[in-house]
N, C-alpha and C. Protein backbone atom coordinates (compact mmCIF):
# COMPACT_ATOMS: atom_id res chain seq x y z
N UNK A 1 0.86 -1.17 -0.09
CA UNK A 1 0.02 0.02 -0.02
C UNK A 1 0.79 1.27 0.02
N UNK A 2 0.61 2.19 -0.87
CA UNK A 2 1.33 3.55 -1.03
C UNK A 2 0.73 4.41 -0.01
N UNK A 3 1.67 5.26 0.64
CA UNK A 3 1.27 6.34 1.44
C UNK A 3 1.84 7.61 0.84
N UNK A 4 1.27 8.77 1.23
CA UNK A 4 1.86 9.96 0.92
C UNK A 4 1.96 10.83 2.17
N UNK A 5 2.66 11.79 2.03
CA UNK A 5 2.63 12.95 3.08
C UNK A 5 2.97 14.31 2.28
N UNK A 6 2.39 15.29 2.82
CA UNK A 6 2.59 16.59 2.20
C UNK A 6 3.46 17.34 3.02
N UNK A 7 4.49 17.85 2.30
CA UNK A 7 5.66 18.61 2.92
C UNK A 7 5.65 19.95 2.35
N UNK A 8 6.10 21.10 2.97
CA UNK A 8 5.98 22.42 2.45
C UNK A 8 7.15 22.58 1.35
N UNK A 9 6.91 22.11 0.17
CA UNK A 9 7.92 22.12 -0.84
C UNK A 9 8.04 23.45 -1.44
N UNK A 10 7.01 24.33 -1.19
CA UNK A 10 7.09 25.59 -1.82
C UNK A 10 7.87 26.67 -1.02
N UNK A 11 8.08 26.48 0.26
CA UNK A 11 8.60 27.40 1.06
C UNK A 11 10.22 27.52 0.77
N UNK A 12 10.54 28.82 0.50
CA UNK A 12 11.90 29.13 0.13
C UNK A 12 12.24 28.99 -1.27
N UNK A 13 11.27 28.50 -2.14
CA UNK A 13 11.50 28.40 -3.53
C UNK A 13 10.68 29.31 -4.41
N UNK A 14 10.03 30.25 -3.79
CA UNK A 14 9.12 31.25 -4.35
C UNK A 14 7.81 30.68 -5.13
N UNK A 15 7.41 29.52 -4.64
CA UNK A 15 6.22 28.88 -5.19
C UNK A 15 5.07 28.89 -4.31
N UNK A 16 3.81 28.99 -4.95
CA UNK A 16 2.58 28.91 -3.99
C UNK A 16 2.47 27.40 -3.70
N UNK A 17 1.51 27.24 -2.78
CA UNK A 17 1.13 25.83 -2.42
C UNK A 17 0.58 25.13 -3.61
N UNK A 18 -0.25 25.94 -4.37
CA UNK A 18 -0.89 25.30 -5.58
C UNK A 18 0.31 24.95 -6.63
N UNK A 19 1.15 25.76 -6.73
CA UNK A 19 2.22 25.40 -7.80
C UNK A 19 3.11 24.21 -7.36
N UNK A 20 3.39 24.17 -5.97
CA UNK A 20 4.19 22.91 -5.49
C UNK A 20 3.37 21.74 -5.55
N UNK A 21 2.01 21.62 -5.32
CA UNK A 21 1.28 20.62 -5.44
C UNK A 21 1.11 20.10 -6.98
N UNK A 22 0.88 21.08 -7.86
CA UNK A 22 0.89 20.79 -9.19
C UNK A 22 2.16 20.08 -9.77
N UNK A 23 3.28 20.70 -9.29
CA UNK A 23 4.50 20.06 -9.79
C UNK A 23 4.70 18.67 -9.37
N UNK A 24 4.37 18.41 -8.01
CA UNK A 24 4.53 17.17 -7.36
C UNK A 24 3.58 16.11 -7.97
N UNK A 25 2.35 16.49 -8.11
CA UNK A 25 1.47 15.45 -8.72
C UNK A 25 1.79 15.32 -10.12
N UNK A 26 2.13 16.21 -10.85
CA UNK A 26 2.62 15.96 -12.33
C UNK A 26 3.85 15.00 -12.33
N UNK A 27 4.78 15.12 -11.49
CA UNK A 27 5.86 14.30 -11.32
C UNK A 27 5.43 12.76 -11.04
N UNK A 28 4.48 12.73 -10.06
CA UNK A 28 3.97 11.39 -9.67
C UNK A 28 3.26 10.69 -10.88
N UNK A 29 2.68 11.48 -11.68
CA UNK A 29 1.72 10.92 -12.73
C UNK A 29 2.57 10.75 -14.01
N UNK A 30 3.81 11.05 -14.10
CA UNK A 30 4.66 10.97 -15.23
C UNK A 30 4.44 9.72 -16.08
N UNK A 31 3.98 9.90 -17.26
CA UNK A 31 3.62 8.77 -18.11
C UNK A 31 4.82 7.81 -18.32
N UNK A 32 6.03 8.29 -18.53
CA UNK A 32 7.17 7.43 -18.73
C UNK A 32 7.40 6.51 -17.50
N UNK A 33 7.10 6.94 -16.32
CA UNK A 33 7.35 6.22 -15.08
C UNK A 33 6.04 5.38 -14.65
N UNK A 34 4.99 5.50 -15.32
CA UNK A 34 3.80 4.83 -14.91
C UNK A 34 3.15 3.99 -16.05
N UNK A 35 3.92 3.46 -16.78
CA UNK A 35 3.61 2.65 -17.98
C UNK A 35 2.44 3.33 -18.80
N UNK A 36 2.62 4.61 -19.10
CA UNK A 36 1.57 5.37 -19.95
C UNK A 36 0.33 5.75 -19.02
N UNK A 37 0.50 5.78 -17.75
CA UNK A 37 -0.69 6.08 -16.88
C UNK A 37 -1.32 4.84 -16.33
N UNK A 38 -0.96 3.66 -16.72
CA UNK A 38 -1.58 2.39 -16.31
C UNK A 38 -1.46 2.20 -14.83
N UNK A 39 -0.29 2.64 -14.23
CA UNK A 39 -0.12 2.51 -12.77
C UNK A 39 -0.56 3.62 -11.95
N UNK A 40 -1.42 4.49 -12.54
CA UNK A 40 -1.90 5.65 -11.83
C UNK A 40 -3.45 5.29 -11.46
N UNK A 41 -3.75 5.38 -10.19
CA UNK A 41 -5.09 5.10 -9.74
C UNK A 41 -5.42 6.14 -8.72
N UNK A 42 -6.68 6.13 -8.42
CA UNK A 42 -7.18 7.18 -7.36
C UNK A 42 -8.36 6.53 -6.52
N UNK A 43 -8.50 7.10 -5.38
CA UNK A 43 -9.70 6.65 -4.52
C UNK A 43 -10.37 7.91 -4.06
N UNK A 44 -11.63 8.10 -4.57
CA UNK A 44 -12.39 9.33 -4.18
C UNK A 44 -11.79 10.60 -4.67
N UNK A 45 -11.00 10.63 -5.77
CA UNK A 45 -10.64 11.93 -6.43
C UNK A 45 -10.28 11.54 -7.86
N UNK A 46 -10.12 12.53 -8.63
CA UNK A 46 -9.87 12.44 -10.08
C UNK A 46 -8.42 12.63 -10.27
N UNK A 47 -7.67 11.74 -10.79
CA UNK A 47 -6.28 11.91 -10.98
C UNK A 47 -5.91 13.13 -11.91
N UNK A 48 -6.77 13.45 -12.81
CA UNK A 48 -6.40 14.60 -13.79
C UNK A 48 -6.42 15.92 -13.04
N UNK A 49 -7.25 16.05 -11.85
CA UNK A 49 -7.18 17.43 -11.21
C UNK A 49 -6.89 17.17 -9.70
N UNK A 50 -6.20 16.10 -9.32
CA UNK A 50 -5.94 15.81 -7.93
C UNK A 50 -5.25 16.99 -7.17
N UNK A 51 -4.46 17.71 -7.79
CA UNK A 51 -3.86 18.80 -7.02
C UNK A 51 -4.87 19.87 -6.64
N UNK A 52 -5.81 20.16 -7.47
CA UNK A 52 -6.95 21.12 -7.32
C UNK A 52 -7.79 20.55 -6.14
N UNK A 53 -8.00 19.25 -6.20
CA UNK A 53 -8.95 18.55 -5.19
C UNK A 53 -8.16 18.58 -3.82
N UNK A 54 -6.92 18.34 -3.70
CA UNK A 54 -6.17 18.50 -2.53
C UNK A 54 -6.31 19.90 -1.86
N UNK A 55 -6.20 20.93 -2.84
CA UNK A 55 -6.27 22.31 -2.25
C UNK A 55 -7.69 22.56 -1.73
N UNK A 56 -8.73 22.05 -2.50
CA UNK A 56 -10.11 22.32 -1.96
C UNK A 56 -10.39 21.64 -0.68
N UNK A 57 -9.68 20.44 -0.38
CA UNK A 57 -9.89 19.76 0.87
C UNK A 57 -9.12 20.38 2.00
N UNK A 58 -8.22 21.16 1.76
CA UNK A 58 -7.29 21.80 2.73
C UNK A 58 -8.17 22.74 3.61
N UNK A 59 -8.07 22.83 4.80
CA UNK A 59 -8.76 23.80 5.71
C UNK A 59 -8.21 25.20 5.56
N UNK A 60 -6.95 25.32 5.01
CA UNK A 60 -6.19 26.66 4.89
C UNK A 60 -6.34 27.19 3.34
N UNK A 61 -7.01 26.40 2.56
CA UNK A 61 -7.06 26.78 1.13
C UNK A 61 -8.12 27.87 0.89
N UNK A 62 -7.79 28.77 0.04
CA UNK A 62 -8.75 29.84 -0.43
C UNK A 62 -8.92 29.87 -1.93
N UNK A 63 -7.92 29.37 -2.57
CA UNK A 63 -8.13 29.22 -4.11
C UNK A 63 -7.23 28.12 -4.67
N UNK A 64 -7.47 27.83 -5.93
CA UNK A 64 -6.71 26.81 -6.58
C UNK A 64 -5.95 27.23 -7.78
N UNK A 65 -5.64 28.49 -7.90
CA UNK A 65 -4.99 28.97 -9.07
C UNK A 65 -3.54 28.51 -9.13
N UNK A 66 -3.04 28.00 -10.22
CA UNK A 66 -1.77 27.48 -10.42
C UNK A 66 -0.91 28.24 -11.07
């Protein structure tokens, strides 16, 4: 079973939380590393917009602009 944890990857790099999440999820969904997306799955979220869904579910979120 895979697990994830969110770390403040945007701090000190001039990125917003939305930009950091977008870059991270894009990296995880890389087609070359996931057999063309075959190894990407989701539970109660849409993999195509997972970064936006993460932001909406965050209690500190006010927008999803990337």
